[in-house]
Amino acid sequence: MSELVVSTTQTSRQDVRSRGEQLLRPALAALLVGSGYYVGAKLGFALTFQPHPVSTLWPPNSILLAALLLSRPRQWWFLLLAAFPAHLLVQVNADIPMTMILCWFVSNCAEALIGASIMRYLTQRAVRFDNTRHVSMFLVVAAVGPFLSSFLDSAFVVLNGFGHSTYWSVFRMRVFSNVLASLTLVPLIVTWSRFELSSLHTWSWKHYLEGALLALGLLVVGLVSLRSGTAEPDTRHALLYLPLPLLLWAAIRFGPRGSSAALVIVSILQIWGAINGVGPFVAQSPEMSAVSVQLFLILASMPLMFLAALIKERERAQNAASQKEVRLVLALDVAQQASQALSDSQEKLHQSHNHIRKLLGRLIDVQEAERRRISRELHDDLNQKIAMLSVSISRLKRKLPMQEGELVEELDRLRETANGLTNEVRKLSHQLHPAVLEHLGLVTALESYIASFNDKEQINVQLTAEIGDERIPFQTSICLYRVAVEALRNVARHSGAESAAVSLKRVSDGLELRVSDSGQGFDVDVFRMSGGLGLISIEERLRLLQGVCEIRSGPQRGTTVIARVPFTV
């Protein structure tokens, strides 16, 4: 019951935390949009040439556009609504009529919605300023949105009788003002809103120093440019190009984030100077000064955005190429290793084929030798005894009739000869296939063979069997029997031992057969390399039953052959 209560409590806490996060994110987004809109409007009023009603750089629309690009379409209405209190507050404090305030908010929202909708339609995903395709699309959006919404905005200004400018004059100033704001502020907001503070740890001190020098250079160049108001016209025009090397530096070394930040700094300094009668544009009328500085900054921002995006794409392409090169090198190494392994396998296979051919040749020789032995035994032993039996029967036939005692004696000799012939046939049959193994089991067959081996080889062999009364499968029995026979033959042929021991016992995973002697032993590695047919036959028999063979031996240390096979009833 307590576990259920704890689990329910934890689930409730998680639900509350999740709901809190769901409410906190929109609230934080609304606060940021409203604050940004308010500060941007204040900055826009500060950058306005009087008595014109349009600012040289109007940030609120760009702030709204950036907020919409960073959010999902279903959240757009909420963000636009969050900007309204800030718009109302800043416009009321500027003594602007309420109808003009509402009209400007409608035109501002229209521009942001037009730009965000077109950009969302063209990209189908989040806009990226490190992509030349997205930059191209954004340049179109930055021009189309202000262009379309300026028709509405200029009409509102004229209908409300706000200011003294004509419709097309307001239209022209608003288009340039909002295009400039979109090109400078939207990339700044979008790129820096996706900046992760954790990436600062990866920067080196040289990177920080370079950024500080760049910022310092922008401020110095901006101050120098603003002090050129009293200089000759040619000198003032030359000073216009002072920020360009620094802007290129920012785009090349710091990407879209650096170039957008540098461009905003240059834009604010140049516009502030033009408004306050200092800088390269002081010799012109206020309206022409505004247009000149706007065109200059617009034309400077577009290649900078392309350059920064192009460099980032090049870096990504280089990284991808480097990764592909690394993968290619790894693949080549793996291919070389595989080729070498294949060559080694082919060499081993060739050696195995040669080894098998040699073994087949030896096997044929052994088979022929065994056939000669059987033929010799049949011809020299059994055939002669059968012939002698036939001669004895013929001789007995010629002597008939004969006395009963002599006949009985001749028949006894014939019976002994027939019995000996029967034993020889039984012995030969046992060598070919021990019937006792099939009928009486492995232990009895080993006892029979060992008794015969002791009589024939004069080697004392002791048998120890501890396998219980369980029946052993015939395939297992014949395998272990042949292993024991082959091992004892090797004892007789090579060891020179006078005694040996055979043990058969049950182990945890099957049966174990040991054949050991106290003979002269041998080098196992050398013997394996020579490819003894007896050892190979033992290993192959055991392999067929998923068994293993182990040989322990050494010069003058005797030999032990251990065979293990899994036991199944």
Protein backbone atom coordinates (compact mmCIF):
# COMPACT_ATOMS: atom_id res chain seq x y z
CA MET A 1 0.00 0.00 0.00
CA SER A 2 2.87 2.36 0.88
CA GLU A 3 4.57 1.64 -2.45
CA LEU A 4 1.33 2.53 -4.26
CA VAL A 5 1.07 5.82 -2.33
CA VAL A 6 4.73 6.69 -3.08
CA SER A 7 4.31 5.81 -6.76
CA THR A 8 1.14 7.88 -7.00
CA THR A 9 2.83 10.82 -5.26
CA GLN A 10 5.84 10.68 -7.60
CA THR A 11 3.55 10.51 -10.63
CA SER A 12 1.58 13.51 -9.36
CA ARG A 13 4.79 15.49 -8.81
CA GLN A 14 5.98 14.65 -12.31
CA ASP A 15 2.64 15.72 -13.78
CA VAL A 16 2.77 19.00 -11.84
CA ARG A 17 6.37 19.62 -12.96
CA SER A 18 5.47 18.83 -16.58
CA ARG A 19 2.47 21.16 -16.50
CA GLY A 20 4.61 23.85 -14.89
CA GLU A 21 7.18 23.57 -17.66
CA GLN A 22 4.44 23.67 -20.29
CA LEU A 23 3.12 26.91 -18.79
CA LEU A 24 6.56 28.41 -18.12
CA ARG A 25 7.85 28.11 -21.69
CA PRO A 26 5.02 30.14 -23.31
CA ALA A 27 5.18 32.68 -20.51
CA LEU A 28 8.94 33.06 -20.97
CA ALA A 29 8.55 33.32 -24.76
CA ALA A 30 5.85 35.99 -24.35
CA LEU A 31 8.05 37.94 -21.91
CA LEU A 32 11.03 37.82 -24.27
CA VAL A 33 8.97 38.86 -27.28
CA GLY A 34 7.28 41.70 -25.41
CA SER A 35 10.56 42.97 -23.92
CA GLY A 36 12.35 42.70 -27.24
CA TYR A 37 9.55 44.49 -29.04
CA TYR A 38 9.56 47.32 -26.50
CA VAL A 39 13.35 47.80 -26.62
CA GLY A 40 13.33 47.51 -30.42
CA ALA A 41 10.62 50.16 -30.70
CA LYS A 42 12.54 52.50 -28.43
CA LEU A 43 15.63 51.96 -30.56
CA GLY A 44 13.60 52.57 -33.73
CA PHE A 45 12.31 55.90 -32.44
CA ALA A 46 15.86 56.86 -31.51
CA LEU A 47 17.01 56.12 -35.08
CA THR A 48 14.31 58.24 -36.78
CA PHE A 49 15.08 61.27 -38.96
CA GLN A 50 12.74 64.06 -37.90
CA PRO A 51 10.21 65.13 -39.04
CA HIS A 52 9.70 61.87 -40.99
CA PRO A 53 7.36 59.33 -39.33
CA VAL A 54 9.41 56.33 -40.39
CA SER A 55 12.54 55.11 -38.61
CA THR A 56 15.76 54.46 -40.50
CA LEU A 57 15.93 51.06 -38.81
CA TRP A 58 12.69 49.70 -37.33
CA PRO A 59 13.51 46.59 -35.19
CA PRO A 60 10.06 45.53 -33.81
CA ASN A 61 8.89 43.92 -37.08
CA SER A 62 12.14 41.97 -37.37
CA ILE A 63 11.88 40.86 -33.75
CA LEU A 64 8.37 39.54 -34.44
CA LEU A 65 9.56 37.80 -37.61
CA ALA A 66 12.47 36.14 -35.77
CA ALA A 67 10.12 35.01 -32.98
CA LEU A 68 7.73 33.45 -35.52
CA LEU A 69 10.60 31.70 -37.34
CA LEU A 70 11.79 30.19 -34.05
CA SER A 71 8.33 28.90 -33.04
CA ARG A 72 5.63 26.64 -34.42
CA PRO A 73 2.78 28.14 -36.50
CA ARG A 74 0.17 27.24 -33.90
CA GLN A 75 1.98 29.50 -31.40
CA TRP A 76 2.15 32.54 -33.68
CA TRP A 77 -1.11 34.15 -32.51
CA PHE A 78 0.05 33.95 -28.90
CA LEU A 79 3.40 35.65 -29.67
CA LEU A 80 1.74 38.40 -31.70
CA LEU A 81 -0.73 39.00 -28.88
CA ALA A 82 2.17 39.12 -26.38
CA ALA A 83 3.76 41.95 -28.38
CA PHE A 84 0.65 44.15 -28.27
CA PRO A 85 1.07 45.49 -24.69
CA ALA A 86 4.67 46.48 -25.47
CA HIS A 87 3.57 48.14 -28.72
CA LEU A 88 0.80 50.02 -26.94
CA LEU A 89 3.07 51.14 -24.12
CA VAL A 90 5.88 52.47 -26.27
CA GLN A 91 3.55 54.20 -28.76
CA VAL A 92 1.40 55.88 -26.08
CA ASN A 93 4.52 57.29 -24.42
CA ALA A 94 5.50 58.78 -27.81
CA ASP A 95 2.22 60.76 -28.00
CA ILE A 96 0.97 58.89 -31.05
CA PRO A 97 -2.82 58.77 -31.69
CA MET A 98 -4.56 55.55 -30.75
CA THR A 99 -5.81 54.91 -34.28
CA MET A 100 -2.26 55.22 -35.62
CA ILE A 101 -1.02 52.91 -32.86
CA LEU A 102 -3.51 50.21 -33.81
CA CYS A 103 -2.87 50.63 -37.52
CA TRP A 104 0.89 50.33 -37.08
CA PHE A 105 0.47 47.17 -34.99
CA VAL A 106 -1.65 45.66 -37.75
CA SER A 107 0.96 46.50 -40.41
CA ASN A 108 3.81 45.26 -38.21
CA CYS A 109 2.06 41.95 -37.57
CA ALA A 110 1.19 41.67 -41.26
CA GLU A 111 4.84 42.01 -42.25
CA ALA A 112 5.98 39.37 -39.72
CA LEU A 113 3.22 36.95 -40.76
CA ILE A 114 3.93 37.38 -44.47
CA GLY A 115 7.66 36.76 -44.01
CA ALA A 116 7.29 33.81 -41.62
CA SER A 117 4.61 32.15 -43.78
CA ILE A 118 6.66 32.42 -46.97
CA MET A 119 9.81 31.21 -45.22
CA ARG A 120 7.99 28.28 -43.63
CA TYR A 121 6.51 27.34 -47.01
CA LEU A 122 9.86 27.52 -48.81
CA THR A 123 12.00 25.67 -46.25
CA GLN A 124 9.46 23.31 -44.64
CA ARG A 125 11.70 23.30 -41.55
CA ALA A 126 13.70 25.59 -39.27
CA VAL A 127 15.59 28.31 -41.12
CA ARG A 128 19.40 28.04 -41.04
CA PHE A 129 21.73 30.92 -41.87
CA ASP A 130 24.67 28.55 -42.42
CA ASN A 131 22.93 27.24 -45.55
CA THR A 132 23.18 29.21 -48.82
CA ARG A 133 19.81 27.90 -50.00
CA HIS A 134 18.08 29.16 -46.85
CA VAL A 135 19.97 32.46 -47.10
CA SER A 136 18.73 32.92 -50.67
CA MET A 137 15.16 32.26 -49.57
CA PHE A 138 15.50 34.62 -46.63
CA LEU A 139 16.74 37.44 -48.85
CA VAL A 140 13.58 37.06 -50.91
CA VAL A 141 11.44 37.03 -47.76
CA ALA A 142 13.29 40.05 -46.31
CA ALA A 143 12.34 42.01 -49.43
CA VAL A 144 8.83 40.68 -50.12
CA GLY A 145 7.46 41.04 -46.58
CA PRO A 146 8.31 44.73 -46.12
CA PHE A 147 7.37 45.50 -49.73
CA LEU A 148 3.84 44.08 -49.42
CA SER A 149 3.15 45.38 -45.92
CA SER A 150 4.45 48.85 -46.78
CA PHE A 151 1.45 49.45 -49.04
CA LEU A 152 -0.79 48.98 -46.02
CA ASP A 153 1.45 50.92 -43.65
CA SER A 154 1.81 53.92 -45.97
CA ALA A 155 -1.94 54.00 -46.46
CA PHE A 156 -2.46 54.04 -42.68
CA VAL A 157 -0.03 56.96 -42.29
CA VAL A 158 -1.71 59.00 -45.01
CA LEU A 159 -5.26 58.20 -43.83
CA ASN A 160 -4.42 59.19 -40.26
CA GLY A 161 -2.66 62.35 -41.43
CA PHE A 162 0.41 61.47 -39.41
CA GLY A 163 3.48 63.45 -40.53
CA HIS A 164 4.03 65.54 -43.62
CA SER A 165 5.46 62.96 -46.02
CA THR A 166 3.67 61.75 -49.12
CA TYR A 167 2.41 58.20 -49.63
CA TRP A 168 5.32 57.09 -51.83
CA SER A 169 7.86 58.83 -49.66
CA VAL A 170 6.62 56.92 -46.61
CA PHE A 171 6.46 53.75 -48.69
CA ARG A 172 10.07 54.13 -49.85
CA MET A 173 11.44 54.91 -46.37
CA ARG A 174 9.50 52.08 -44.74
CA VAL A 175 10.58 49.50 -47.31
CA PHE A 176 14.28 50.31 -46.90
CA SER A 177 13.95 50.59 -43.10
CA ASN A 178 12.27 47.21 -42.64
CA VAL A 179 14.43 45.40 -45.23
CA LEU A 180 17.53 46.63 -43.42
CA ALA A 181 16.10 45.57 -40.05
CA SER A 182 15.24 42.11 -41.38
CA LEU A 183 18.68 41.60 -42.91
CA THR A 184 20.53 42.69 -39.77
CA LEU A 185 18.41 41.69 -36.78
CA VAL A 186 16.67 38.45 -37.85
CA PRO A 187 19.94 36.53 -38.51
CA LEU A 188 21.32 37.91 -35.23
CA ILE A 189 18.32 36.75 -33.17
CA VAL A 190 17.88 33.37 -34.88
CA THR A 191 21.56 32.35 -34.83
CA TRP A 192 22.28 33.50 -31.27
CA SER A 193 19.04 32.02 -29.86
CA ARG A 194 20.36 28.59 -30.93
CA PHE A 195 23.79 29.18 -29.40
CA GLU A 196 24.70 26.66 -26.71
CA LEU A 197 26.72 27.97 -23.80
CA SER A 198 28.38 24.58 -23.42
CA SER A 199 30.21 25.19 -26.70
CA LEU A 200 32.15 28.02 -25.04
CA HIS A 201 34.21 25.41 -23.21
CA THR A 202 35.51 24.15 -26.55
CA TRP A 203 36.93 27.56 -27.53
CA SER A 204 40.62 28.20 -27.02
CA TRP A 205 42.03 31.37 -25.51
CA LYS A 206 43.15 32.37 -29.01
CA HIS A 207 39.54 32.28 -30.16
CA TYR A 208 38.45 34.56 -27.30
CA LEU A 209 41.34 36.91 -28.02
CA GLU A 210 40.44 37.03 -31.71
CA GLY A 211 36.81 37.87 -30.86
CA ALA A 212 37.88 40.65 -28.49
CA LEU A 213 40.21 42.13 -31.10
CA LEU A 214 37.42 42.04 -33.69
CA ALA A 215 34.96 43.83 -31.39
CA LEU A 216 37.59 46.40 -30.49
CA GLY A 217 38.39 46.93 -34.15
CA LEU A 218 34.72 47.49 -35.00
CA LEU A 219 34.38 50.12 -32.27
CA VAL A 220 37.59 51.90 -33.30
CA VAL A 221 36.64 51.89 -36.99
CA GLY A 222 33.12 53.11 -36.12
CA LEU A 223 34.48 56.01 -34.07
CA VAL A 224 36.96 56.93 -36.78
CA SER A 225 34.19 56.87 -39.38
CA LEU A 226 31.94 59.06 -37.21
CA ARG A 227 34.68 61.67 -36.82
CA SER A 228 34.90 62.12 -40.57
CA GLY A 229 32.08 64.66 -40.73
CA THR A 230 34.45 67.57 -41.25
CA ALA A 231 36.68 65.76 -43.71
CA GLU A 232 36.70 66.21 -47.49
CA PRO A 233 33.92 64.38 -49.44
CA ASP A 234 36.39 61.97 -51.06
CA THR A 235 37.87 61.13 -47.68
CA ARG A 236 34.42 60.55 -46.15
CA HIS A 237 33.50 58.20 -48.97
CA ALA A 238 36.74 56.27 -48.49
CA LEU A 239 36.00 55.92 -44.78
CA LEU A 240 32.76 54.13 -45.70
CA TYR A 241 34.79 51.06 -46.57
CA LEU A 242 36.76 50.90 -43.34
CA PRO A 243 34.35 48.39 -41.67
CA LEU A 244 34.36 45.99 -44.65
CA PRO A 245 37.61 44.16 -43.79
CA LEU A 246 36.35 43.64 -40.25
CA LEU A 247 32.98 42.43 -41.52
CA LEU A 248 34.77 39.95 -43.80
CA TRP A 249 36.91 38.89 -40.87
CA ALA A 250 33.79 38.24 -38.78
CA ALA A 251 32.09 36.25 -41.56
CA ILE A 252 35.16 34.12 -42.30
CA ARG A 253 36.27 33.38 -38.75
CA PHE A 254 33.02 33.47 -36.75
CA GLY A 255 30.36 32.43 -39.28
CA PRO A 256 26.76 33.72 -39.37
CA ARG A 257 26.74 34.60 -35.66
CA GLY A 258 29.87 36.73 -35.91
CA SER A 259 28.90 38.42 -39.17
CA SER A 260 25.37 39.26 -37.95
CA ALA A 261 26.67 40.72 -34.67
CA ALA A 262 29.34 42.77 -36.47
CA LEU A 263 26.81 44.05 -39.01
CA VAL A 264 24.41 45.18 -36.26
CA ILE A 265 27.21 47.10 -34.56
CA VAL A 266 28.24 48.82 -37.79
CA SER A 267 24.61 49.56 -38.72
CA ILE A 268 23.72 51.22 -35.42
CA LEU A 269 26.90 53.31 -35.41
CA GLN A 270 26.42 54.49 -39.01
CA ILE A 271 22.73 55.30 -38.58
CA TRP A 272 23.33 57.07 -35.27
CA GLY A 273 26.06 59.14 -36.89
CA ALA A 274 23.88 60.07 -39.84
CA ILE A 275 21.03 61.14 -37.54
CA ASN A 276 23.32 63.23 -35.36
CA GLY A 277 25.10 64.93 -38.25
CA VAL A 278 28.41 63.06 -38.08
CA GLY A 279 29.91 60.42 -40.32
CA PRO A 280 30.05 59.90 -44.08
CA PHE A 281 26.45 61.05 -44.77
CA VAL A 282 26.32 64.48 -43.13
CA ALA A 283 26.59 66.45 -46.33
CA GLN A 284 23.23 65.23 -47.62
CA SER A 285 19.59 65.98 -46.73
CA PRO A 286 18.08 63.86 -43.90
CA GLU A 287 15.95 61.86 -46.32
CA MET A 288 18.85 61.19 -48.69
CA SER A 289 21.15 60.42 -45.77
CA ALA A 290 18.70 57.80 -44.52
CA VAL A 291 18.37 56.22 -47.96
CA SER A 292 22.13 56.25 -48.51
CA VAL A 293 23.00 54.57 -45.23
CA GLN A 294 20.19 52.04 -45.69
CA LEU A 295 21.29 51.10 -49.21
CA PHE A 296 24.91 50.87 -48.11
CA LEU A 297 24.11 48.54 -45.22
CA ILE A 298 21.64 46.44 -47.24
CA LEU A 299 24.14 45.91 -50.05
CA ALA A 300 26.89 45.11 -47.54
CA SER A 301 24.78 42.61 -45.58
CA MET A 302 23.76 40.38 -48.49
CA PRO A 303 27.23 39.23 -49.63
CA LEU A 304 28.28 38.88 -45.99
CA MET A 305 25.39 36.50 -45.30
CA PHE A 306 26.24 34.47 -48.40
CA LEU A 307 29.93 34.42 -47.52
CA ALA A 308 29.31 33.26 -43.95
CA ALA A 309 26.89 30.53 -45.12
CA LEU A 310 29.23 29.45 -47.89
CA ILE A 311 32.17 29.12 -45.48
CA LYS A 312 30.06 27.06 -43.08
CA GLU A 313 28.93 24.80 -45.91
CA ARG A 314 32.55 24.42 -46.98
CA GLU A 315 33.54 23.52 -43.41
CA ARG A 316 30.77 20.93 -43.25
CA ALA A 317 31.82 19.55 -46.63
CA GLN A 318 35.44 19.35 -45.45
CA ASN A 319 34.39 17.62 -42.23
CA ALA A 320 32.22 15.21 -44.18
CA ALA A 321 35.08 14.59 -46.62
CA SER A 322 37.48 14.06 -43.72
CA GLN A 323 35.08 11.62 -42.07
CA LYS A 324 34.59 9.82 -45.38
CA GLU A 325 38.35 9.72 -45.84
CA VAL A 326 38.79 8.27 -42.37
CA ARG A 327 36.05 5.72 -43.04
CA LEU A 328 37.65 4.97 -46.42
CA VAL A 329 41.05 4.44 -44.80
CA LEU A 330 39.46 2.20 -42.19
CA ALA A 331 37.61 0.33 -44.93
CA LEU A 332 40.84 -0.07 -46.89
CA ASP A 333 42.60 -1.34 -43.76
CA VAL A 334 39.78 -3.77 -43.14
CA ALA A 335 39.86 -4.81 -46.79
CA GLN A 336 43.61 -5.33 -46.63
CA GLN A 337 43.25 -7.33 -43.45
CA ALA A 338 40.44 -9.33 -45.02
CA SER A 339 42.55 -9.86 -48.14
CA GLN A 340 45.49 -10.96 -46.02
CA ALA A 341 43.22 -13.22 -43.98
CA LEU A 342 41.79 -14.63 -47.21
CA SER A 343 45.30 -15.24 -48.54
CA ASP A 344 46.27 -16.93 -45.29
CA SER A 345 43.09 -18.99 -45.39
CA GLN A 346 43.75 -19.98 -48.98
CA GLU A 347 47.32 -20.93 -48.07
CA LYS A 348 46.10 -22.95 -45.10
CA LEU A 349 43.42 -24.52 -47.28
CA HIS A 350 46.05 -25.42 -49.87
CA GLN A 351 48.21 -26.92 -47.15
CA SER A 352 45.18 -28.78 -45.79
CA HIS A 353 44.42 -30.13 -49.26
CA ASN A 354 48.00 -31.32 -49.64
CA HIS A 355 47.89 -32.79 -46.16
CA ILE A 356 44.60 -34.55 -46.90
CA ARG A 357 45.99 -35.91 -50.16
CA LYS A 358 49.01 -37.27 -48.31
CA LEU A 359 46.76 -38.76 -45.65
CA LEU A 360 44.54 -40.30 -48.30
CA GLY A 361 47.60 -41.84 -49.87
CA ARG A 362 48.71 -43.21 -46.53
CA LEU A 363 45.19 -44.41 -45.81
CA ILE A 364 45.15 -46.29 -49.09
CA ASP A 365 48.53 -47.80 -48.21
CA VAL A 366 47.25 -48.81 -44.78
CA GLN A 367 44.09 -50.28 -46.29
CA GLU A 368 46.18 -52.24 -48.79
CA ALA A 369 48.49 -53.41 -46.00
CA GLU A 370 45.49 -54.51 -43.94
CA ARG A 371 44.04 -56.33 -46.92
CA ARG A 372 47.39 -58.05 -47.53
CA ARG A 373 47.50 -59.09 -43.89
CA ILE A 374 43.97 -60.51 -44.02
CA SER A 375 44.76 -62.18 -47.36
CA ARG A 376 47.94 -63.61 -45.94
CA GLU A 377 46.18 -64.95 -42.88
CA LEU A 378 43.44 -66.43 -45.07
CA HIS A 379 45.96 -68.00 -47.46
CA ASP A 380 48.79 -68.97 -45.17
CA ASP A 381 46.81 -69.98 -42.12
CA LEU A 382 43.15 -70.66 -42.76
CA ASN A 383 43.61 -71.97 -46.31
CA GLN A 384 46.37 -74.37 -45.25
CA LYS A 385 44.34 -75.64 -42.32
CA ILE A 386 41.31 -76.14 -44.58
CA ALA A 387 43.55 -77.97 -47.06
CA MET A 388 44.96 -80.13 -44.29
CA LEU A 389 41.41 -80.85 -43.12
CA SER A 390 40.49 -81.88 -46.66
CA VAL A 391 43.58 -84.16 -46.95
CA SER A 392 42.82 -85.74 -43.58
CA ILE A 393 39.22 -86.43 -44.64
CA SER A 394 40.46 -87.99 -47.93
CA ARG A 395 42.99 -90.13 -46.10
CA LEU A 396 40.32 -91.25 -43.64
CA LYS A 397 38.05 -92.13 -46.54
CA ARG A 398 40.73 -94.37 -48.14
CA LYS A 399 41.31 -96.21 -44.87
CA LEU A 400 37.68 -97.19 -44.48
CA PRO A 401 36.69 -99.66 -43.29
CA MET A 402 38.91 -99.51 -40.25
CA GLN A 403 38.86 -100.35 -36.60
CA GLU A 404 36.58 -98.39 -34.34
CA GLY A 405 39.34 -97.12 -32.01
CA GLU A 406 41.47 -95.90 -34.90
CA LEU A 407 38.38 -94.26 -36.50
CA VAL A 408 37.54 -92.43 -33.27
CA GLU A 409 41.15 -91.20 -33.02
CA GLU A 410 41.08 -89.87 -36.59
CA LEU A 411 37.73 -88.15 -36.01
CA ASP A 412 39.09 -86.50 -32.85
CA ARG A 413 42.00 -85.09 -34.82
CA LEU A 414 39.58 -83.80 -37.46
CA ARG A 415 37.43 -82.21 -34.75
CA GLU A 416 40.45 -80.46 -33.19
CA THR A 417 41.47 -79.17 -36.59
CA ALA A 418 37.93 -77.89 -37.21
CA ASN A 419 37.85 -76.24 -33.78
CA GLY A 420 41.16 -74.49 -34.46
CA LEU A 421 39.82 -73.34 -37.80
CA THR A 422 36.72 -71.99 -36.07
CA ASN A 423 38.84 -70.07 -33.53
CA GLU A 424 40.92 -68.54 -36.30
CA VAL A 425 37.80 -67.42 -38.14
CA ARG A 426 36.36 -66.01 -34.89
CA LYS A 427 39.62 -64.18 -34.16
CA LEU A 428 39.72 -62.63 -37.61
CA SER A 429 36.04 -61.66 -37.37
CA HIS A 430 36.65 -60.08 -33.98
CA GLN A 431 39.43 -57.97 -35.42
CA LEU A 432 37.15 -56.74 -38.17
CA HIS A 433 34.12 -56.12 -35.95
CA PRO A 434 33.95 -57.12 -32.27
CA ALA A 435 30.51 -58.71 -31.88
CA VAL A 436 31.01 -58.87 -28.12
CA LEU A 437 30.96 -55.08 -28.05
CA GLU A 438 27.51 -54.99 -29.57
CA HIS A 439 26.05 -57.74 -27.41
CA LEU A 440 27.89 -57.52 -24.07
CA GLY A 441 28.99 -53.87 -23.89
CA LEU A 442 32.14 -51.75 -23.89
CA VAL A 443 33.69 -53.00 -20.65
CA THR A 444 33.43 -56.68 -21.63
CA ALA A 445 34.82 -55.95 -25.10
CA LEU A 446 37.80 -54.13 -23.59
CA GLU A 447 38.40 -56.98 -21.15
CA SER A 448 38.35 -59.48 -24.02
CA TYR A 449 40.73 -57.43 -26.17
CA ILE A 450 43.11 -56.68 -23.28
CA ALA A 451 43.29 -60.40 -22.36
CA SER A 452 44.18 -61.21 -25.97
CA PHE A 453 46.63 -58.27 -26.08
CA ASN A 454 48.37 -59.46 -22.90
CA ASP A 455 48.83 -62.97 -24.32
CA LYS A 456 50.07 -61.76 -27.70
CA GLU A 457 52.29 -58.78 -26.74
CA GLN A 458 53.39 -59.90 -23.28
CA ILE A 459 52.58 -56.46 -21.86
CA ASN A 460 50.72 -56.30 -18.58
CA VAL A 461 47.64 -54.08 -19.09
CA GLN A 462 45.32 -53.26 -16.19
CA LEU A 463 41.72 -52.19 -16.85
CA THR A 464 39.73 -50.01 -14.46
CA ALA A 465 36.07 -49.29 -15.29
CA GLU A 466 33.79 -47.00 -13.24
CA ILE A 467 30.80 -46.28 -15.40
CA GLY A 468 27.97 -47.93 -13.48
CA ASP A 469 25.22 -50.01 -15.03
CA GLU A 470 23.97 -47.42 -17.50
CA ARG A 471 23.83 -48.51 -21.10
CA ILE A 472 26.30 -46.74 -23.39
CA PRO A 473 25.17 -45.95 -26.96
CA PHE A 474 26.81 -48.19 -29.53
CA GLN A 475 28.40 -45.30 -31.46
CA THR A 476 30.07 -44.07 -28.27
CA SER A 477 31.16 -47.61 -27.36
CA ILE A 478 32.71 -48.39 -30.75
CA CYS A 479 34.49 -45.00 -30.76
CA LEU A 480 36.08 -45.51 -27.33
CA TYR A 481 36.88 -49.14 -28.18
CA ARG A 482 38.76 -48.16 -31.35
CA VAL A 483 40.60 -45.43 -29.46
CA ALA A 484 41.71 -47.91 -26.82
CA VAL A 485 42.78 -50.46 -29.46
CA GLU A 486 44.78 -47.87 -31.41
CA ALA A 487 46.40 -46.52 -28.25
CA LEU A 488 47.41 -50.03 -27.10
CA ARG A 489 48.80 -50.82 -30.54
CA ASN A 490 50.98 -47.71 -30.25
CA VAL A 491 52.10 -48.88 -26.82
CA ALA A 492 53.15 -52.21 -28.32
CA ARG A 493 54.85 -50.68 -31.37
CA HIS A 494 56.60 -47.57 -30.06
CA SER A 495 56.71 -47.22 -26.28
CA GLY A 496 58.88 -50.18 -25.24
CA ALA A 497 56.88 -50.30 -22.00
CA GLU A 498 56.31 -53.51 -20.04
CA SER A 499 53.00 -52.37 -18.55
CA ALA A 500 50.10 -50.09 -19.32
CA ALA A 501 46.83 -48.99 -17.75
CA VAL A 502 43.39 -48.42 -19.23
CA SER A 503 40.75 -46.55 -17.21
CA LEU A 504 37.16 -45.84 -18.18
CA LYS A 505 35.10 -43.62 -15.91
CA ARG A 506 32.10 -41.37 -15.82
CA VAL A 507 32.77 -37.63 -15.59
CA SER A 508 30.38 -34.70 -15.19
CA ASP A 509 29.76 -34.18 -18.89
CA GLY A 510 30.31 -37.66 -20.35
CA LEU A 511 32.83 -40.52 -20.45
CA GLU A 512 36.60 -40.38 -20.15
CA LEU A 513 39.01 -43.03 -21.43
CA ARG A 514 42.67 -42.97 -20.40
CA VAL A 515 45.39 -45.19 -21.84
CA SER A 516 48.78 -44.64 -20.19
CA ASP A 517 52.14 -46.36 -20.27
CA SER A 518 55.55 -45.94 -18.66
CA GLY A 519 57.50 -46.15 -21.89
CA GLN A 520 60.01 -43.89 -23.60
CA GLY A 521 57.45 -41.28 -24.71
CA PHE A 522 57.83 -38.82 -27.58
CA ASP A 523 57.57 -35.14 -28.59
CA VAL A 524 53.87 -34.48 -29.18
CA ASP A 525 54.39 -31.39 -31.39
CA VAL A 526 56.82 -33.18 -33.67
CA PHE A 527 54.48 -36.15 -33.83
CA ARG A 528 51.52 -33.93 -34.80
CA MET A 529 53.54 -32.27 -37.54
CA SER A 530 54.48 -35.66 -38.95
CA GLY A 531 50.76 -36.43 -39.19
CA GLY A 532 50.55 -39.87 -37.64
CA LEU A 533 47.59 -41.71 -39.12
CA GLY A 534 46.71 -43.40 -35.83
CA LEU A 535 46.40 -40.08 -33.99
CA ILE A 536 44.40 -38.59 -36.84
CA SER A 537 41.99 -41.54 -36.84
CA ILE A 538 41.52 -41.15 -33.09
CA GLU A 539 40.82 -37.40 -33.34
CA GLU A 540 38.43 -37.83 -36.26
CA ARG A 541 36.44 -40.53 -34.47
CA LEU A 542 36.09 -38.33 -31.42
CA ARG A 543 35.24 -35.24 -33.48
CA LEU A 544 32.28 -37.05 -35.05
CA LEU A 545 30.86 -37.48 -31.53
CA GLN A 546 31.80 -33.91 -30.47
CA GLY A 547 34.53 -35.37 -28.31
CA VAL A 548 38.11 -34.24 -27.66
CA CYS A 549 41.48 -35.94 -27.52
CA GLU A 550 44.44 -34.94 -25.35
CA ILE A 551 47.92 -36.47 -25.52
CA ARG A 552 50.41 -35.97 -22.72
CA SER A 553 53.91 -37.20 -23.38
CA GLY A 554 57.55 -36.30 -23.41
CA PRO A 555 60.89 -38.05 -23.95
CA GLN A 556 61.40 -40.71 -21.23
CA ARG A 557 58.19 -39.65 -19.44
CA GLY A 558 55.70 -42.12 -20.81
CA THR A 559 52.51 -41.36 -22.69
CA THR A 560 48.89 -40.76 -21.68
CA VAL A 561 46.06 -40.62 -24.21
CA ILE A 562 42.86 -39.03 -22.83
CA ALA A 563 39.62 -39.24 -24.80
CA ARG A 564 36.41 -37.53 -23.66
CA VAL A 565 33.01 -37.83 -25.28
CA PRO A 566 29.63 -36.46 -24.18
CA PHE A 567 27.45 -39.20 -22.74
CA THR A 568 23.86 -39.61 -23.93
CA VAL A 569 21.67 -42.58 -23.21
